[in-house]
Amino acid sequence: MYREAYDRAKAAKDERRMADLDAAFQREQLLLEVLLDIRDGMTPASPPKKSAVGEAAAALDTVRKITRLR
């Protein structure tokens, strides 16, 4: 949409319209990035992988065994 309007303004040699469209496009891109950052911040973290859970369980088991020896 912006590209078509920009090309029309460029063909008409309307520098002011080209600058306005460029600024509007950059503003929209920035707003999109902000919204994506907000979405990413609100998305819950993924659950730990099973291998990490297994490693944690193995580490706890090792600690439990060591404390029994004392």
PDB file of N, CA and C in Angstrom:
ATOM      1  N   MET A   1       0.827  -1.176   0.000  1.00  0.00           N
ATOM      2  CA  MET A   1       0.000   0.000   0.000  1.00  0.00           C
ATOM      3  C   MET A   1       0.882   1.255   0.000  1.00  0.00           C
ATOM      4  N   TYR A   2       1.854   1.276   0.902  1.00  0.00           N
ATOM      5  CA  TYR A   2       2.751   2.432   0.947  1.00  0.00           C
ATOM      6  C   TYR A   2       3.587   2.530  -0.333  1.00  0.00           C
ATOM      7  N   ARG A   3       4.039   1.380  -0.821  1.00  0.00           N
ATOM      8  CA  ARG A   3       4.883   1.372  -2.016  1.00  0.00           C
ATOM      9  C   ARG A   3       4.142   1.970  -3.205  1.00  0.00           C
ATOM     10  N   GLU A   4       2.889   1.587  -3.400  1.00  0.00           N
ATOM     11  CA  GLU A   4       2.110   2.119  -4.525  1.00  0.00           C
ATOM     12  C   GLU A   4       1.913   3.625  -4.395  1.00  0.00           C
ATOM     13  N   ALA A   5       1.559   4.068  -3.200  1.00  0.00           N
ATOM     14  CA  ALA A   5       1.359   5.503  -2.974  1.00  0.00           C
ATOM     15  C   ALA A   5       2.673   6.259  -3.152  1.00  0.00           C
ATOM     16  N   TYR A   6       3.761   5.656  -2.685  1.00  0.00           N
ATOM     17  CA  TYR A   6       5.071   6.292  -2.835  1.00  0.00           C
ATOM     18  C   TYR A   6       5.450   6.416  -4.308  1.00  0.00           C
ATOM     19  N   ASP A   7       5.207   5.344  -5.053  1.00  0.00           N
ATOM     20  CA  ASP A   7       5.524   5.371  -6.486  1.00  0.00           C
ATOM     21  C   ASP A   7       4.694   6.423  -7.220  1.00  0.00           C
ATOM     22  N   ARG A   8       3.420   6.571  -6.851  1.00  0.00           N
ATOM     23  CA  ARG A   8       2.584   7.614  -7.465  1.00  0.00           C
ATOM     24  C   ARG A   8       3.114   8.998  -7.141  1.00  0.00           C
ATOM     25  N   ALA A   9       3.514   9.203  -5.875  1.00  0.00           N
ATOM     26  CA  ALA A   9       4.053  10.506  -5.469  1.00  0.00           C
ATOM     27  C   ALA A   9       5.377  10.776  -6.180  1.00  0.00           C
ATOM     28  N   LYS A  10       6.159   9.728  -6.355  1.00  0.00           N
ATOM     29  CA  LYS A  10       7.446   9.880  -7.040  1.00  0.00           C
ATOM     30  C   LYS A  10       7.217  10.244  -8.513  1.00  0.00           C
ATOM     31  N   ALA A  11       6.233   9.595  -9.151  1.00  0.00           N
ATOM     32  CA  ALA A  11       5.918   9.896 -10.551  1.00  0.00           C
ATOM     33  C   ALA A  11       5.418  11.333 -10.703  1.00  0.00           C
ATOM     34  N   ALA A  12       4.704  11.808  -9.661  1.00  0.00           N
ATOM     35  CA  ALA A  12       4.184  13.184  -9.696  1.00  0.00           C
ATOM     36  C   ALA A  12       5.228  14.182  -9.207  1.00  0.00           C
ATOM     37  N   LYS A  13       6.385  13.676  -8.790  1.00  0.00           N
ATOM     38  CA  LYS A  13       7.475  14.507  -8.254  1.00  0.00           C
ATOM     39  C   LYS A  13       7.009  15.335  -7.051  1.00  0.00           C
ATOM     40  N   ASP A  14       6.209  14.670  -6.201  1.00  0.00           N
ATOM     41  CA  ASP A  14       5.691  15.308  -4.995  1.00  0.00           C
ATOM     42  C   ASP A  14       6.587  14.905  -3.818  1.00  0.00           C
ATOM     43  N   GLU A  15       7.653  15.680  -3.626  1.00  0.00           N
ATOM     44  CA  GLU A  15       8.649  15.361  -2.592  1.00  0.00           C
ATOM     45  C   GLU A  15       8.037  15.348  -1.193  1.00  0.00           C
ATOM     46  N   ARG A  16       7.138  16.264  -0.933  1.00  0.00           N
ATOM     47  CA  ARG A  16       6.535  16.339   0.403  1.00  0.00           C
ATOM     48  C   ARG A  16       5.713  15.082   0.689  1.00  0.00           C
ATOM     49  N   ARG A  17       4.933  14.631  -0.277  1.00  0.00           N
ATOM     50  CA  ARG A  17       4.127  13.418  -0.101  1.00  0.00           C
ATOM     51  C   ARG A  17       5.035  12.197   0.073  1.00  0.00           C
ATOM     52  N   MET A  18       6.124  12.159  -0.680  1.00  0.00           N
ATOM     53  CA  MET A  18       7.073  11.047  -0.542  1.00  0.00           C
ATOM     54  C   MET A  18       7.650  11.013   0.867  1.00  0.00           C
ATOM     55  N   ALA A  19       8.003  12.175   1.394  1.00  0.00           N
ATOM     56  CA  ALA A  19       8.554  12.239   2.753  1.00  0.00           C
ATOM     57  C   ALA A  19       7.503  11.836   3.782  1.00  0.00           C
ATOM     58  N   ASP A  20       6.264  12.286   3.601  1.00  0.00           N
ATOM     59  CA  ASP A  20       5.183  11.913   4.518  1.00  0.00           C
ATOM     60  C   ASP A  20       4.948  10.405   4.507  1.00  0.00           C
ATOM     61  N   LEU A  21       4.918   9.830   3.318  1.00  0.00           N
ATOM     62  CA  LEU A  21       4.704   8.387   3.220  1.00  0.00           C
ATOM     63  C   LEU A  21       5.863   7.603   3.820  1.00  0.00           C
ATOM     64  N   ASP A  22       7.069   8.069   3.614  1.00  0.00           N
ATOM     65  CA  ASP A  22       8.236   7.402   4.187  1.00  0.00           C
ATOM     66  C   ASP A  22       8.184   7.440   5.714  1.00  0.00           C
ATOM     67  N   ALA A  23       7.825   8.597   6.266  1.00  0.00           N
ATOM     68  CA  ALA A  23       7.728   8.728   7.722  1.00  0.00           C
ATOM     69  C   ALA A  23       6.604   7.850   8.271  1.00  0.00           C
ATOM     70  N   ALA A  24       5.479   7.799   7.577  1.00  0.00           N
ATOM     71  CA  ALA A  24       4.356   6.971   8.026  1.00  0.00           C
ATOM     72  C   ALA A  24       4.740   5.491   7.992  1.00  0.00           C
ATOM     73  N   PHE A  25       5.438   5.090   6.951  1.00  0.00           N
ATOM     74  CA  PHE A  25       5.871   3.692   6.845  1.00  0.00           C
ATOM     75  C   PHE A  25       6.813   3.334   7.988  1.00  0.00           C
ATOM     76  N   GLN A  26       7.768   4.190   8.275  1.00  0.00           N
ATOM     77  CA  GLN A  26       8.716   3.927   9.362  1.00  0.00           C
ATOM     78  C   GLN A  26       8.003   3.887  10.711  1.00  0.00           C
ATOM     79  N   ARG A  27       7.021   4.763  10.897  1.00  0.00           N
ATOM     80  CA  ARG A  27       6.247   4.770  12.147  1.00  0.00           C
ATOM     81  C   ARG A  27       5.480   3.457  12.299  1.00  0.00           C
ATOM     82  N   GLU A  28       4.858   2.987  11.226  1.00  0.00           N
ATOM     83  CA  GLU A  28       4.115   1.727  11.270  1.00  0.00           C
ATOM     84  C   GLU A  28       5.047   0.549  11.573  1.00  0.00           C
ATOM     85  N   GLN A  29       6.224   0.558  10.998  1.00  0.00           N
ATOM     86  CA  GLN A  29       7.184  -0.509  11.259  1.00  0.00           C
ATOM     87  C   GLN A  29       7.617  -0.519  12.726  1.00  0.00           C
ATOM     88  N   LEU A  30       7.843   0.661  13.275  1.00  0.00           N
ATOM     89  CA  LEU A  30       8.232   0.771  14.678  1.00  0.00           C
ATOM     90  C   LEU A  30       7.111   0.280  15.591  1.00  0.00           C
ATOM     91  N   LEU A  31       5.872   0.676  15.285  1.00  0.00           N
ATOM     92  CA  LEU A  31       4.733   0.215  16.088  1.00  0.00           C
ATOM     93  C   LEU A  31       4.590  -1.303  16.015  1.00  0.00           C
ATOM     94  N   LEU A  32       4.813  -1.868  14.844  1.00  0.00           N
ATOM     95  CA  LEU A  32       4.744  -3.315  14.702  1.00  0.00           C
ATOM     96  C   LEU A  32       5.801  -3.994  15.563  1.00  0.00           C
ATOM     97  N   GLU A  33       7.001  -3.462  15.570  1.00  0.00           N
ATOM     98  CA  GLU A  33       8.065  -4.045  16.393  1.00  0.00           C
ATOM     99  C   GLU A  33       7.738  -3.941  17.881  1.00  0.00           C
ATOM    100  N   VAL A  34       7.146  -2.829  18.290  1.00  0.00           N
ATOM    101  CA  VAL A  34       6.754  -2.666  19.694  1.00  0.00           C
ATOM    102  C   VAL A  34       5.692  -3.693  20.061  1.00  0.00           C
ATOM    103  N   LEU A  35       4.700  -3.866  19.192  1.00  0.00           N
ATOM    104  CA  LEU A  35       3.657  -4.855  19.460  1.00  0.00           C
ATOM    105  C   LEU A  35       4.224  -6.270  19.516  1.00  0.00           C
ATOM    106  N   LEU A  36       5.164  -6.579  18.661  1.00  0.00           N
ATOM    107  CA  LEU A  36       5.789  -7.903  18.702  1.00  0.00           C
ATOM    108  C   LEU A  36       6.584  -8.094  19.987  1.00  0.00           C
ATOM    109  N   ASP A  37       7.263  -7.041  20.451  1.00  0.00           N
ATOM    110  CA  ASP A  37       7.998  -7.125  21.715  1.00  0.00           C
ATOM    111  C   ASP A  37       7.041  -7.331  22.884  1.00  0.00           C
ATOM    112  N   ILE A  38       5.904  -6.649  22.860  1.00  0.00           N
ATOM    113  CA  ILE A  38       4.908  -6.816  23.926  1.00  0.00           C
ATOM    114  C   ILE A  38       4.370  -8.237  23.899  1.00  0.00           C
ATOM    115  N   ARG A  39       4.058  -8.735  22.700  1.00  0.00           N
ATOM    116  CA  ARG A  39       3.564 -10.111  22.582  1.00  0.00           C
ATOM    117  C   ARG A  39       4.582 -11.104  23.129  1.00  0.00           C
ATOM    118  N   ASP A  40       5.850 -10.920  22.759  1.00  0.00           N
ATOM    119  CA  ASP A  40       6.889 -11.825  23.240  1.00  0.00           C
ATOM    120  C   ASP A  40       7.035 -11.750  24.757  1.00  0.00           C
ATOM    121  N   GLY A  41       6.868 -10.560  25.323  1.00  0.00           N
ATOM    122  CA  GLY A  41       6.970 -10.405  26.767  1.00  0.00           C
ATOM    123  C   GLY A  41       5.818 -11.037  27.519  1.00  0.00           C
ATOM    124  N   MET A  42       4.672 -11.156  26.881  1.00  0.00           N
ATOM    125  CA  MET A  42       3.494 -11.718  27.539  1.00  0.00           C
ATOM    126  C   MET A  42       3.356 -13.218  27.316  1.00  0.00           C
ATOM    127  N   THR A  43       4.138 -13.774  26.402  1.00  0.00           N
ATOM    128  CA  THR A  43       4.085 -15.199  26.112  1.00  0.00           C
ATOM    129  C   THR A  43       4.822 -15.948  27.220  1.00  0.00           C
ATOM    130  N   PRO A  44       4.158 -16.940  27.835  1.00  0.00           N
ATOM    131  CA  PRO A  44       4.849 -17.674  28.906  1.00  0.00           C
ATOM    132  C   PRO A  44       6.040 -18.437  28.348  1.00  0.00           C
ATOM    133  N   ALA A  45       7.010 -18.616  29.202  1.00  0.00           N
ATOM    134  CA  ALA A  45       8.222 -19.345  28.804  1.00  0.00           C
ATOM    135  C   ALA A  45       7.854 -20.792  28.502  1.00  0.00           C
ATOM    136  N   SER A  46       8.574 -21.387  27.614  1.00  0.00           N
ATOM    137  CA  SER A  46       8.302 -22.785  27.262  1.00  0.00           C
ATOM    138  C   SER A  46       8.702 -23.688  28.423  1.00  0.00           C
ATOM    139  N   PRO A  47       7.999 -24.803  28.585  1.00  0.00           N
ATOM    140  CA  PRO A  47       8.347 -25.718  29.680  1.00  0.00           C
ATOM    141  C   PRO A  47       9.724 -26.321  29.437  1.00  0.00           C
ATOM    142  N   PRO A  48      10.399 -26.700  30.501  1.00  0.00           N
ATOM    143  CA  PRO A  48      11.741 -27.270  30.329  1.00  0.00           C
ATOM    144  C   PRO A  48      11.677 -28.561  29.520  1.00  0.00           C
ATOM    145  N   LYS A  49      12.738 -28.831  28.788  1.00  0.00           N
ATOM    146  CA  LYS A  49      12.811 -30.057  27.999  1.00  0.00           C
ATOM    147  C   LYS A  49      12.947 -31.251  28.924  1.00  0.00           C
ATOM    148  N   LYS A  50      12.493 -32.392  28.452  1.00  0.00           N
ATOM    149  CA  LYS A  50      12.539 -33.595  29.284  1.00  0.00           C
ATOM    150  C   LYS A  50      13.955 -33.951  29.675  1.00  0.00           C
ATOM    151  N   SER A  51      14.917 -33.695  28.803  1.00  0.00           N
ATOM    152  CA  SER A  51      16.301 -34.020  29.137  1.00  0.00           C
ATOM    153  C   SER A  51      16.780 -33.169  30.311  1.00  0.00           C
ATOM    154  N   ALA A  52      16.344 -31.894  30.345  1.00  0.00           N
ATOM    155  CA  ALA A  52      16.736 -31.029  31.458  1.00  0.00           C
ATOM    156  C   ALA A  52      16.064 -31.488  32.742  1.00  0.00           C
ATOM    157  N   VAL A  53      14.828 -31.940  32.656  1.00  0.00           N
ATOM    158  CA  VAL A  53      14.129 -32.452  33.839  1.00  0.00           C
ATOM    159  C   VAL A  53      14.822 -33.723  34.329  1.00  0.00           C
ATOM    160  N   GLY A  54      15.190 -34.587  33.387  1.00  0.00           N
ATOM    161  CA  GLY A  54      15.877 -35.822  33.763  1.00  0.00           C
ATOM    162  C   GLY A  54      17.215 -35.544  34.422  1.00  0.00           C
ATOM    163  N   GLU A  55      17.948 -34.574  33.893  1.00  0.00           N
ATOM    164  CA  GLU A  55      19.243 -34.207  34.477  1.00  0.00           C
ATOM    165  C   GLU A  55      19.062 -33.637  35.877  1.00  0.00           C
ATOM    166  N   ALA A  56      18.027 -32.817  36.060  1.00  0.00           N
ATOM    167  CA  ALA A  56      17.769 -32.242  37.380  1.00  0.00           C
ATOM    168  C   ALA A  56      17.390 -33.342  38.371  1.00  0.00           C
ATOM    169  N   ALA A  57      16.571 -34.287  37.930  1.00  0.00           N
ATOM    170  CA  ALA A  57      16.179 -35.397  38.799  1.00  0.00           C
ATOM    171  C   ALA A  57      17.390 -36.244  39.174  1.00  0.00           C
ATOM    172  N   ALA A  58      18.280 -36.467  38.216  1.00  0.00           N
ATOM    173  CA  ALA A  58      19.487 -37.239  38.494  1.00  0.00           C
ATOM    174  C   ALA A  58      20.381 -36.503  39.483  1.00  0.00           C
ATOM    175  N   ALA A  59      20.482 -35.210  39.346  1.00  0.00           N
ATOM    176  CA  ALA A  59      21.298 -34.419  40.273  1.00  0.00           C
ATOM    177  C   ALA A  59      20.702 -34.466  41.674  1.00  0.00           C
ATOM    178  N   LEU A  60      19.391 -34.350  41.783  1.00  0.00           N
ATOM    179  CA  LEU A  60      18.750 -34.441  43.105  1.00  0.00           C
ATOM    180  C   LEU A  60      18.949 -35.821  43.712  1.00  0.00           C
ATOM    181  N   ASP A  61      18.882 -36.854  42.904  1.00  0.00           N
ATOM    182  CA  ASP A  61      19.090 -38.215  43.395  1.00  0.00           C
ATOM    183  C   ASP A  61      20.512 -38.378  43.928  1.00  0.00           C
ATOM    184  N   THR A  62      21.474 -37.807  43.220  1.00  0.00           N
ATOM    185  CA  THR A  62      22.870 -37.866  43.657  1.00  0.00           C
ATOM    186  C   THR A  62      23.043 -37.155  44.997  1.00  0.00           C
ATOM    187  N   VAL A  63      22.466 -35.991  45.133  1.00  0.00           N
ATOM    188  CA  VAL A  63      22.553 -35.244  46.400  1.00  0.00           C
ATOM    189  C   VAL A  63      21.902 -36.035  47.521  1.00  0.00           C
ATOM    190  N   ARG A  64      20.767 -36.655  47.252  1.00  0.00           N
ATOM    191  CA  ARG A  64      20.074 -37.463  48.265  1.00  0.00           C
ATOM    192  C   ARG A  64      20.948 -38.628  48.702  1.00  0.00           C
ATOM    193  N   LYS A  65      21.626 -39.285  47.762  1.00  0.00           N
ATOM    194  CA  LYS A  65      22.503 -40.401  48.101  1.00  0.00           C
ATOM    195  C   LYS A  65      23.686 -39.954  48.938  1.00  0.00           C
ATOM    196  N   ILE A  66      24.246 -38.811  48.581  1.00  0.00           N
ATOM    197  CA  ILE A  66      25.396 -38.297  49.327  1.00  0.00           C
ATOM    198  C   ILE A  66      24.991 -37.954  50.760  1.00  0.00           C
ATOM    199  N   THR A  67      23.825 -37.352  50.950  1.00  0.00           N
ATOM    200  CA  THR A  67      23.419 -36.970  52.301  1.00  0.00           C
ATOM    201  C   THR A  67      23.097 -38.187  53.147  1.00  0.00           C
ATOM    202  N   ARG A  68      22.696 -39.300  52.547  1.00  0.00           N
ATOM    203  CA  ARG A  68      22.438 -40.523  53.293  1.00  0.00           C
ATOM    204  C   ARG A  68      23.725 -41.144  53.830  1.00  0.00           C
ATOM    205  N   LEU A  69      24.818 -40.942  53.119  1.00  0.00           N
ATOM    206  CA  LEU A  69      26.089 -41.534  53.524  1.00  0.00           C
ATOM    207  C   LEU A  69      26.639 -40.883  54.770  1.00  0.00           C
ATOM    208  N   ARG A  70      26.225 -39.703  55.079  1.00  0.00           N
ATOM    209  CA  ARG A  70      26.801 -38.998  56.237  1.00  0.00           C
ATOM    210  C   ARG A  70      26.119 -39.331  57.476  1.00  0.00           C
TER     211      ARG A  70
END
